[in-house]
Amino acid sequence: MVKSAYMHYYPFYLPFAPTLLAAFLPLFVVVAFWTVAIKGFALWHAARGGHKGWFIALLFINTLGILECIYLVWFRPGASHSHRSLTPANDSSTQA
């Protein structure tokens, strides 16, 4: 059995060179920071809005911020794209 030079230092098999993994370290740090920041913001809005189901889903489902962005844009209280139906009685553009 032939061992490569870096197997002496690492007890497990690395399919990529350690320098390649180190090159992606800044990307991993940015993604981790983004995920924590957007998850905290979305969880705060879900807790303040009383959305218990959304809070639990946002807490346990990790989607790198995709689910959090969906909640913040369309479902949080006070969002500009809320799912309220406008009837002619409530539509301010038809009133004079």
PDB file of N, CA and C in Angstrom:
ATOM      1  N   MET A   1       0.853  -1.182   0.000  1.00  0.00           N
ATOM      2  CA  MET A   1       0.000   0.000   0.000  1.00  0.00           C
ATOM      3  C   MET A   1       0.892   1.236   0.000  1.00  0.00           C
ATOM      4  N   VAL A   2       0.654   2.126  -0.928  1.00  0.00           N
ATOM      5  CA  VAL A   2       1.449   3.334  -1.067  1.00  0.00           C
ATOM      6  C   VAL A   2       0.706   4.475  -0.405  1.00  0.00           C
ATOM      7  N   LYS A   3       1.398   5.219   0.442  1.00  0.00           N
ATOM      8  CA  LYS A   3       0.811   6.375   1.120  1.00  0.00           C
ATOM      9  C   LYS A   3       1.354   7.645   0.485  1.00  0.00           C
ATOM     10  N   SER A   4       0.479   8.612   0.333  1.00  0.00           N
ATOM     11  CA  SER A   4       0.942   9.885  -0.213  1.00  0.00           C
ATOM     12  C   SER A   4       1.596  10.707   0.891  1.00  0.00           C
ATOM     13  N   ALA A   5       2.181  11.806   0.496  1.00  0.00           N
ATOM     14  CA  ALA A   5       2.945  12.620   1.440  1.00  0.00           C
ATOM     15  C   ALA A   5       2.061  13.240   2.515  1.00  0.00           C
ATOM     16  N   TYR A   6       0.849  13.669   2.176  1.00  0.00           N
ATOM     17  CA  TYR A   6       0.027  14.335   3.181  1.00  0.00           C
ATOM     18  C   TYR A   6      -0.750  13.366   4.048  1.00  0.00           C
ATOM     19  N   MET A   7      -0.785  12.085   3.735  1.00  0.00           N
ATOM     20  CA  MET A   7      -1.481  11.120   4.591  1.00  0.00           C
ATOM     21  C   MET A   7      -0.727  10.913   5.902  1.00  0.00           C
ATOM     22  N   HIS A   8       0.534  11.298   5.930  1.00  0.00           N
ATOM     23  CA  HIS A   8       1.294  11.177   7.168  1.00  0.00           C
ATOM     24  C   HIS A   8       0.741  12.138   8.228  1.00  0.00           C
ATOM     25  N   TYR A   9       0.271  13.300   7.803  1.00  0.00           N
ATOM     26  CA  TYR A   9      -0.216  14.311   8.728  1.00  0.00           C
ATOM     27  C   TYR A   9      -1.711  14.206   8.994  1.00  0.00           C
ATOM     28  N   TYR A  10      -2.470  13.636   8.070  1.00  0.00           N
ATOM     29  CA  TYR A  10      -3.919  13.536   8.220  1.00  0.00           C
ATOM     30  C   TYR A  10      -4.311  12.068   8.310  1.00  0.00           C
ATOM     31  N   PRO A  11      -4.996  11.679   9.376  1.00  0.00           N
ATOM     32  CA  PRO A  11      -5.348  10.267   9.544  1.00  0.00           C
ATOM     33  C   PRO A  11      -6.498   9.823   8.640  1.00  0.00           C
ATOM     34  N   PHE A  12      -7.118  10.718   7.906  1.00  0.00           N
ATOM     35  CA  PHE A  12      -8.217  10.357   7.017  1.00  0.00           C
ATOM     36  C   PHE A  12      -7.884  10.809   5.598  1.00  0.00           C
ATOM     37  N   TYR A  13      -8.620  10.293   4.649  1.00  0.00           N
ATOM     38  CA  TYR A  13      -8.359  10.581   3.247  1.00  0.00           C
ATOM     39  C   TYR A  13      -8.941  11.930   2.856  1.00  0.00           C
ATOM     40  N   LEU A  14      -8.151  12.766   2.230  1.00  0.00           N
ATOM     41  CA  LEU A  14      -8.616  14.046   1.714  1.00  0.00           C
ATOM     42  C   LEU A  14      -8.598  13.990   0.192  1.00  0.00           C
ATOM     43  N   PRO A  15      -9.755  14.098  -0.457  1.00  0.00           N
ATOM     44  CA  PRO A  15      -9.750  14.031  -1.918  1.00  0.00           C
ATOM     45  C   PRO A  15      -9.160  15.285  -2.567  1.00  0.00           C
ATOM     46  N   PHE A  16      -9.085  16.378  -1.838  1.00  0.00           N
ATOM     47  CA  PHE A  16      -8.522  17.616  -2.361  1.00  0.00           C
ATOM     48  C   PHE A  16      -7.319  18.008  -1.527  1.00  0.00           C
ATOM     49  N   ALA A  17      -6.455  18.757  -2.106  1.00  0.00           N
ATOM     50  CA  ALA A  17      -5.284  19.231  -1.380  1.00  0.00           C
ATOM     51  C   ALA A  17      -5.718  20.219  -0.301  1.00  0.00           C
ATOM     52  N   PRO A  18      -5.058  20.260   0.826  1.00  0.00           N
ATOM     53  CA  PRO A  18      -5.430  21.198   1.895  1.00  0.00           C
ATOM     54  C   PRO A  18      -5.379  22.659   1.448  1.00  0.00           C
ATOM     55  N   THR A  19      -4.542  22.987   0.490  1.00  0.00           N
ATOM     56  CA  THR A  19      -4.494  24.372   0.017  1.00  0.00           C
ATOM     57  C   THR A  19      -5.771  24.745  -0.733  1.00  0.00           C
ATOM     58  N   LEU A  20      -6.375  23.798  -1.442  1.00  0.00           N
ATOM     59  CA  LEU A  20      -7.637  24.067  -2.124  1.00  0.00           C
ATOM     60  C   LEU A  20      -8.750  24.294  -1.100  1.00  0.00           C
ATOM     61  N   LEU A  21      -8.758  23.512  -0.042  1.00  0.00           N
ATOM     62  CA  LEU A  21      -9.754  23.707   1.010  1.00  0.00           C
ATOM     63  C   LEU A  21      -9.556  25.052   1.702  1.00  0.00           C
ATOM     64  N   ALA A  22      -8.327  25.454   1.891  1.00  0.00           N
ATOM     65  CA  ALA A  22      -8.047  26.746   2.509  1.00  0.00           C
ATOM     66  C   ALA A  22      -8.462  27.897   1.609  1.00  0.00           C
ATOM     67  N   ALA A  23      -8.445  27.690   0.301  1.00  0.00           N
ATOM     68  CA  ALA A  23      -8.855  28.743  -0.627  1.00  0.00           C
ATOM     69  C   ALA A  23     -10.356  29.030  -0.504  1.00  0.00           C
ATOM     70  N   PHE A  24     -11.149  28.039  -0.134  1.00  0.00           N
ATOM     71  CA  PHE A  24     -12.588  28.221   0.016  1.00  0.00           C
ATOM     72  C   PHE A  24     -12.993  28.682   1.410  1.00  0.00           C
ATOM     73  N   LEU A  25     -12.060  28.807   2.320  1.00  0.00           N
ATOM     74  CA  LEU A  25     -12.373  29.218   3.681  1.00  0.00           C
ATOM     75  C   LEU A  25     -13.063  30.582   3.749  1.00  0.00           C
ATOM     76  N   PRO A  26     -12.634  31.610   3.014  1.00  0.00           N
ATOM     77  CA  PRO A  26     -13.363  32.881   3.052  1.00  0.00           C
ATOM     78  C   PRO A  26     -14.811  32.752   2.576  1.00  0.00           C
ATOM     79  N   LEU A  27     -15.056  31.925   1.586  1.00  0.00           N
ATOM     80  CA  LEU A  27     -16.426  31.697   1.118  1.00  0.00           C
ATOM     81  C   LEU A  27     -17.262  31.053   2.218  1.00  0.00           C
ATOM     82  N   PHE A  28     -16.712  30.071   2.901  1.00  0.00           N
ATOM     83  CA  PHE A  28     -17.428  29.423   3.999  1.00  0.00           C
ATOM     84  C   PHE A  28     -17.749  30.410   5.112  1.00  0.00           C
ATOM     85  N   VAL A  29     -16.825  31.299   5.414  1.00  0.00           N
ATOM     86  CA  VAL A  29     -17.044  32.292   6.471  1.00  0.00           C
ATOM     87  C   VAL A  29     -18.159  33.259   6.074  1.00  0.00           C
ATOM     88  N   VAL A  30     -18.159  33.716   4.830  1.00  0.00           N
ATOM     89  CA  VAL A  30     -19.191  34.640   4.354  1.00  0.00           C
ATOM     90  C   VAL A  30     -20.564  33.962   4.366  1.00  0.00           C
ATOM     91  N   VAL A  31     -20.640  32.722   3.901  1.00  0.00           N
ATOM     92  CA  VAL A  31     -21.914  31.993   3.894  1.00  0.00           C
ATOM     93  C   VAL A  31     -22.406  31.762   5.310  1.00  0.00           C
ATOM     94  N   ALA A  32     -21.520  31.424   6.224  1.00  0.00           N
ATOM     95  CA  ALA A  32     -21.924  31.215   7.616  1.00  0.00           C
ATOM     96  C   ALA A  32     -22.430  32.513   8.240  1.00  0.00           C
ATOM     97  N   PHE A  33     -21.746  33.624   7.984  1.00  0.00           N
ATOM     98  CA  PHE A  33     -22.191  34.908   8.526  1.00  0.00           C
ATOM     99  C   PHE A  33     -23.549  35.288   7.951  1.00  0.00           C
ATOM    100  N   TRP A  34     -23.731  35.136   6.638  1.00  0.00           N
ATOM    101  CA  TRP A  34     -25.003  35.455   5.983  1.00  0.00           C
ATOM    102  C   TRP A  34     -26.133  34.620   6.589  1.00  0.00           C
ATOM    103  N   THR A  35     -25.896  33.327   6.768  1.00  0.00           N
ATOM    104  CA  THR A  35     -26.934  32.435   7.279  1.00  0.00           C
ATOM    105  C   THR A  35     -27.337  32.817   8.694  1.00  0.00           C
ATOM    106  N   VAL A  36     -26.376  33.091   9.537  1.00  0.00           N
ATOM    107  CA  VAL A  36     -26.680  33.461  10.922  1.00  0.00           C
ATOM    108  C   VAL A  36     -27.407  34.807  10.976  1.00  0.00           C
ATOM    109  N   ALA A  37     -26.960  35.763  10.197  1.00  0.00           N
ATOM    110  CA  ALA A  37     -27.568  37.097  10.226  1.00  0.00           C
ATOM    111  C   ALA A  37     -29.006  37.077   9.721  1.00  0.00           C
ATOM    112  N   ILE A  38     -29.257  36.459   8.584  1.00  0.00           N
ATOM    113  CA  ILE A  38     -30.601  36.460   8.014  1.00  0.00           C
ATOM    114  C   ILE A  38     -31.534  35.584   8.834  1.00  0.00           C
ATOM    115  N   LYS A  39     -31.025  34.497   9.416  1.00  0.00           N
ATOM    116  CA  LYS A  39     -31.848  33.636  10.264  1.00  0.00           C
ATOM    117  C   LYS A  39     -32.245  34.378  11.534  1.00  0.00           C
ATOM    118  N   GLY A  40     -31.327  35.103  12.132  1.00  0.00           N
ATOM    119  CA  GLY A  40     -31.658  35.877  13.328  1.00  0.00           C
ATOM    120  C   GLY A  40     -32.686  36.953  13.047  1.00  0.00           C
ATOM    121  N   PHE A  41     -32.548  37.647  11.925  1.00  0.00           N
ATOM    122  CA  PHE A  41     -33.499  38.686  11.540  1.00  0.00           C
ATOM    123  C   PHE A  41     -34.890  38.104  11.301  1.00  0.00           C
ATOM    124  N   ALA A  42     -34.956  36.978  10.583  1.00  0.00           N
ATOM    125  CA  ALA A  42     -36.242  36.339  10.301  1.00  0.00           C
ATOM    126  C   ALA A  42     -36.869  35.774  11.578  1.00  0.00           C
ATOM    127  N   LEU A  43     -36.068  35.170  12.439  1.00  0.00           N
ATOM    128  CA  LEU A  43     -36.606  34.641  13.697  1.00  0.00           C
ATOM    129  C   LEU A  43     -37.138  35.763  14.578  1.00  0.00           C
ATOM    130  N   TRP A  44     -36.462  36.886  14.589  1.00  0.00           N
ATOM    131  CA  TRP A  44     -36.921  38.021  15.386  1.00  0.00           C
ATOM    132  C   TRP A  44     -38.280  38.501  14.891  1.00  0.00           C
ATOM    133  N   HIS A  45     -38.434  38.628  13.569  1.00  0.00           N
ATOM    134  CA  HIS A  45     -39.716  39.072  13.011  1.00  0.00           C
ATOM    135  C   HIS A  45     -40.814  38.040  13.256  1.00  0.00           C
ATOM    136  N   ALA A  46     -40.495  36.763  13.149  1.00  0.00           N
ATOM    137  CA  ALA A  46     -41.503  35.728  13.384  1.00  0.00           C
ATOM    138  C   ALA A  46     -41.953  35.729  14.842  1.00  0.00           C
ATOM    139  N   ALA A  47     -41.027  35.932  15.756  1.00  0.00           N
ATOM    140  CA  ALA A  47     -41.387  35.967  17.176  1.00  0.00           C
ATOM    141  C   ALA A  47     -42.209  37.206  17.504  1.00  0.00           C
ATOM    142  N   ARG A  48     -41.820  38.342  16.960  1.00  0.00           N
ATOM    143  CA  ARG A  48     -42.563  39.578  17.214  1.00  0.00           C
ATOM    144  C   ARG A  48     -43.950  39.554  16.573  1.00  0.00           C
ATOM    145  N   GLY A  49     -44.094  38.855  15.451  1.00  0.00           N
ATOM    146  CA  GLY A  49     -45.371  38.784  14.754  1.00  0.00           C
ATOM    147  C   GLY A  49     -46.284  37.682  15.254  1.00  0.00           C
ATOM    148  N   GLY A  50     -45.815  36.853  16.187  1.00  0.00           N
ATOM    149  CA  GLY A  50     -46.632  35.778  16.725  1.00  0.00           C
ATOM    150  C   GLY A  50     -46.799  34.605  15.776  1.00  0.00           C
ATOM    151  N   HIS A  51     -45.890  34.429  14.836  1.00  0.00           N
ATOM    152  CA  HIS A  51     -45.952  33.318  13.892  1.00  0.00           C
ATOM    153  C   HIS A  51     -45.174  32.128  14.443  1.00  0.00           C
ATOM    154  N   LYS A  52     -45.826  31.358  15.305  1.00  0.00           N
ATOM    155  CA  LYS A  52     -45.162  30.240  15.971  1.00  0.00           C
ATOM    156  C   LYS A  52     -44.719  29.168  14.968  1.00  0.00           C
ATOM    157  N   GLY A  53     -45.561  28.845  13.994  1.00  0.00           N
ATOM    158  CA  GLY A  53     -45.196  27.839  12.990  1.00  0.00           C
ATOM    159  C   GLY A  53     -43.999  28.268  12.161  1.00  0.00           C
ATOM    160  N   TRP A  54     -44.001  29.524  11.721  1.00  0.00           N
ATOM    161  CA  TRP A  54     -42.864  30.043  10.964  1.00  0.00           C
ATOM    162  C   TRP A  54     -41.601  30.049  11.812  1.00  0.00           C
ATOM    163  N   PHE A  55     -41.734  30.421  13.089  1.00  0.00           N
ATOM    164  CA  PHE A  55     -40.571  30.456  13.974  1.00  0.00           C
ATOM    165  C   PHE A  55     -39.932  29.073  14.073  1.00  0.00           C
ATOM    166  N   ILE A  56     -40.749  28.050  14.271  1.00  0.00           N
ATOM    167  CA  ILE A  56     -40.230  26.685  14.403  1.00  0.00           C
ATOM    168  C   ILE A  56     -39.598  26.231  13.083  1.00  0.00           C
ATOM    169  N   ALA A  57     -40.275  26.519  11.964  1.00  0.00           N
ATOM    170  CA  ALA A  57     -39.726  26.122  10.660  1.00  0.00           C
ATOM    171  C   ALA A  57     -38.403  26.831  10.380  1.00  0.00           C
ATOM    172  N   LEU A  58     -38.345  28.133  10.647  1.00  0.00           N
ATOM    173  CA  LEU A  58     -37.110  28.882  10.406  1.00  0.00           C
ATOM    174  C   LEU A  58     -35.977  28.435  11.321  1.00  0.00           C
ATOM    175  N   LEU A  59     -36.342  28.007  12.516  1.00  0.00           N
ATOM    176  CA  LEU A  59     -35.325  27.572  13.478  1.00  0.00           C
ATOM    177  C   LEU A  59     -34.673  26.255  13.067  1.00  0.00           C
ATOM    178  N   PHE A  60     -35.455  25.331  12.529  1.00  0.00           N
ATOM    179  CA  PHE A  60     -34.938  23.984  12.282  1.00  0.00           C
ATOM    180  C   PHE A  60     -34.583  23.695  10.827  1.00  0.00           C
ATOM    181  N   ILE A  61     -35.134  24.431   9.875  1.00  0.00           N
ATOM    182  CA  ILE A  61     -34.845  24.158   8.467  1.00  0.00           C
ATOM    183  C   ILE A  61     -33.743  25.106   8.001  1.00  0.00           C
ATOM    184  N   ASN A  62     -32.639  24.541   7.561  1.00  0.00           N
ATOM    185  CA  ASN A  62     -31.501  25.333   7.097  1.00  0.00           C
ATOM    186  C   ASN A  62     -31.444  25.313   5.578  1.00  0.00           C
ATOM    187  N   THR A  63     -31.655  26.475   4.960  1.00  0.00           N
ATOM    188  CA  THR A  63     -31.651  26.580   3.507  1.00  0.00           C
ATOM    189  C   THR A  63     -30.709  27.677   3.025  1.00  0.00           C
ATOM    190  N   LEU A  64     -29.710  28.025   3.808  1.00  0.00           N
ATOM    191  CA  LEU A  64     -28.755  29.084   3.482  1.00  0.00           C
ATOM    192  C   LEU A  64     -29.437  30.425   3.254  1.00  0.00           C
ATOM    193  N   GLY A  65     -30.528  30.665   3.953  1.00  0.00           N
ATOM    194  CA  GLY A  65     -31.194  31.954   3.903  1.00  0.00           C
ATOM    195  C   GLY A  65     -32.338  32.057   2.913  1.00  0.00           C
ATOM    196  N   ILE A  66     -32.597  31.012   2.141  1.00  0.00           N
ATOM    197  CA  ILE A  66     -33.660  31.086   1.137  1.00  0.00           C
ATOM    198  C   ILE A  66     -35.030  31.155   1.801  1.00  0.00           C
ATOM    199  N   LEU A  67     -35.315  30.246   2.719  1.00  0.00           N
ATOM    200  CA  LEU A  67     -36.606  30.246   3.412  1.00  0.00           C
ATOM    201  C   LEU A  67     -36.775  31.521   4.232  1.00  0.00           C
ATOM    202  N   GLU A  68     -35.707  31.993   4.826  1.00  0.00           N
ATOM    203  CA  GLU A  68     -35.764  33.218   5.608  1.00  0.00           C
ATOM    204  C   GLU A  68     -36.129  34.413   4.734  1.00  0.00           C
ATOM    205  N   CYS A  69     -35.539  34.487   3.547  1.00  0.00           N
ATOM    206  CA  CYS A  69     -35.853  35.585   2.625  1.00  0.00           C
ATOM    207  C   CYS A  69     -37.303  35.507   2.163  1.00  0.00           C
ATOM    208  N   ILE A  70     -37.792  34.310   1.896  1.00  0.00           N
ATOM    209  CA  ILE A  70     -39.199  34.146   1.506  1.00  0.00           C
ATOM    210  C   ILE A  70     -40.104  34.647   2.608  1.00  0.00           C
ATOM    211  N   TYR A  71     -39.812  34.278   3.856  1.00  0.00           N
ATOM    212  CA  TYR A  71     -40.636  34.744   4.974  1.00  0.00           C
ATOM    213  C   TYR A  71     -40.572  36.262   5.107  1.00  0.00           C
ATOM    214  N   LEU A  72     -39.375  36.818   5.037  1.00  0.00           N
ATOM    215  CA  LEU A  72     -39.231  38.263   5.239  1.00  0.00           C
ATOM    216  C   LEU A  72     -39.895  39.075   4.137  1.00  0.00           C
ATOM    217  N   VAL A  73     -39.893  38.586   2.920  1.00  0.00           N
ATOM    218  CA  VAL A  73     -40.467  39.346   1.813  1.00  0.00           C
ATOM    219  C   VAL A  73     -41.988  39.211   1.769  1.00  0.00           C
ATOM    220  N   TRP A  74     -42.512  37.999   1.942  1.00  0.00           N
ATOM    221  CA  TRP A  74     -43.941  37.797   1.699  1.00  0.00           C
ATOM    222  C   TRP A  74     -44.795  37.542   2.929  1.00  0.00           C
ATOM    223  N   PHE A  75     -44.266  37.063   4.038  1.00  0.00           N
ATOM    224  CA  PHE A  75     -45.122  36.605   5.124  1.00  0.00           C
ATOM    225  C   PHE A  75     -44.978  37.351   6.441  1.00  0.00           C
ATOM    226  N   ARG A  76     -43.982  38.169   6.609  1.00  0.00           N
ATOM    227  CA  ARG A  76     -43.821  38.846   7.898  1.00  0.00           C
ATOM    228  C   ARG A  76     -44.870  39.946   8.043  1.00  0.00           C
ATOM    229  N   PRO A  77     -45.232  40.262   9.269  1.00  0.00           N
ATOM    230  CA  PRO A  77     -46.210  41.332   9.480  1.00  0.00           C
ATOM    231  C   PRO A  77     -45.648  42.663   8.988  1.00  0.00           C
ATOM    232  N   GLY A  78     -46.447  43.394   8.246  1.00  0.00           N
ATOM    233  CA  GLY A  78     -46.021  44.680   7.729  1.00  0.00           C
ATOM    234  C   GLY A  78     -45.232  44.600   6.450  1.00  0.00           C
ATOM    235  N   ALA A  79     -45.116  43.407   5.839  1.00  0.00           N
ATOM    236  CA  ALA A  79     -44.394  43.276   4.572  1.00  0.00           C
ATOM    237  C   ALA A  79     -45.184  43.952   3.466  1.00  0.00           C
ATOM    238  N   SER A  80     -44.492  44.487   2.495  1.00  0.00           N
ATOM    239  CA  SER A  80     -45.159  45.214   1.423  1.00  0.00           C
ATOM    240  C   SER A  80     -45.919  44.283   0.484  1.00  0.00           C
ATOM    241  N   HIS A  81     -45.592  43.001   0.447  1.00  0.00           N
ATOM    242  CA  HIS A  81     -46.258  42.046  -0.433  1.00  0.00           C
ATOM    243  C   HIS A  81     -47.154  41.119   0.382  1.00  0.00           C
ATOM    244  N   SER A  82     -47.990  41.665   1.224  1.00  0.00           N
ATOM    245  CA  SER A  82     -48.836  40.816   2.060  1.00  0.00           C
ATOM    246  C   SER A  82     -49.930  40.179   1.213  1.00  0.00           C
ATOM    247  N   HIS A  83     -50.547  39.136   1.750  1.00  0.00           N
ATOM    248  CA  HIS A  83     -51.543  38.362   1.027  1.00  0.00           C
ATOM    249  C   HIS A  83     -52.956  38.817   1.367  1.00  0.00           C
ATOM    250  N   ARG A  84     -53.184  40.087   1.457  1.00  0.00           N
ATOM    251  CA  ARG A  84     -54.511  40.604   1.728  1.00  0.00           C
ATOM    252  C   ARG A  84     -55.202  40.871   0.393  1.00  0.00           C
ATOM    253  N   SER A  85     -56.459  40.478   0.316  1.00  0.00           N
ATOM    254  CA  SER A  85     -57.182  40.750  -0.924  1.00  0.00           C
ATOM    255  C   SER A  85     -57.788  42.145  -0.848  1.00  0.00           C
ATOM    256  N   LEU A  86     -57.653  42.876  -1.920  1.00  0.00           N
ATOM    257  CA  LEU A  86     -58.200  44.221  -1.966  1.00  0.00           C
ATOM    258  C   LEU A  86     -59.581  44.171  -2.604  1.00  0.00           C
ATOM    259  N   THR A  87     -60.570  44.569  -1.866  1.00  0.00           N
ATOM    260  CA  THR A  87     -61.908  44.687  -2.417  1.00  0.00           C
ATOM    261  C   THR A  87     -62.114  46.132  -2.809  1.00  0.00           C
ATOM    262  N   PRO A  88     -63.096  46.428  -3.670  1.00  0.00           N
ATOM    263  CA  PRO A  88     -63.312  47.830  -4.054  1.00  0.00           C
ATOM    264  C   PRO A  88     -63.566  48.740  -2.859  1.00  0.00           C
ATOM    265  N   ALA A  89     -64.121  48.210  -1.778  1.00  0.00           N
ATOM    266  CA  ALA A  89     -64.377  49.038  -0.602  1.00  0.00           C
ATOM    267  C   ALA A  89     -63.083  49.389   0.119  1.00  0.00           C
ATOM    268  N   ASN A  90     -62.076  48.508   0.038  1.00  0.00           N
ATOM    269  CA  ASN A  90     -60.813  48.745   0.733  1.00  0.00           C
ATOM    270  C   ASN A  90     -59.744  49.333  -0.175  1.00  0.00           C
ATOM    271  N   ASP A  91     -59.961  49.374  -1.462  1.00  0.00           N
ATOM    272  CA  ASP A  91     -58.972  49.868  -2.403  1.00  0.00           C
ATOM    273  C   ASP A  91     -58.965  51.387  -2.381  1.00  0.00           C
ATOM    274  N   SER A  92     -57.835  51.980  -1.996  1.00  0.00           N
ATOM    275  CA  SER A  92     -57.747  53.429  -1.866  1.00  0.00           C
ATOM    276  C   SER A  92     -57.656  54.109  -3.222  1.00  0.00           C
ATOM    277  N   SER A  93     -57.313  53.393  -4.276  1.00  0.00           N
ATOM    278  CA  SER A  93     -57.180  54.031  -5.579  1.00  0.00           C
ATOM    279  C   SER A  93     -58.538  54.309  -6.228  1.00  0.00           C
ATOM    280  N   THR A  94     -59.586  53.611  -5.788  1.00  0.00           N
ATOM    281  CA  THR A  94     -60.908  53.827  -6.384  1.00  0.00           C
ATOM    282  C   THR A  94     -61.714  54.875  -5.631  1.00  0.00           C
ATOM    283  N   GLN A  95     -61.255  55.224  -4.438  1.00  0.00           N
ATOM    284  CA  GLN A  95     -61.992  56.215  -3.647  1.00  0.00           C
ATOM    285  C   GLN A  95     -61.562  57.618  -4.051  1.00  0.00           C
ATOM    286  N   ALA A  96     -62.532  58.523  -4.062  1.00  0.00           N
ATOM    287  CA  ALA A  96     -62.213  59.908  -4.450  1.00  0.00           C
ATOM    288  C   ALA A  96     -62.016  60.768  -3.244  1.00  0.00           C
TER     289      ALA A  96
END
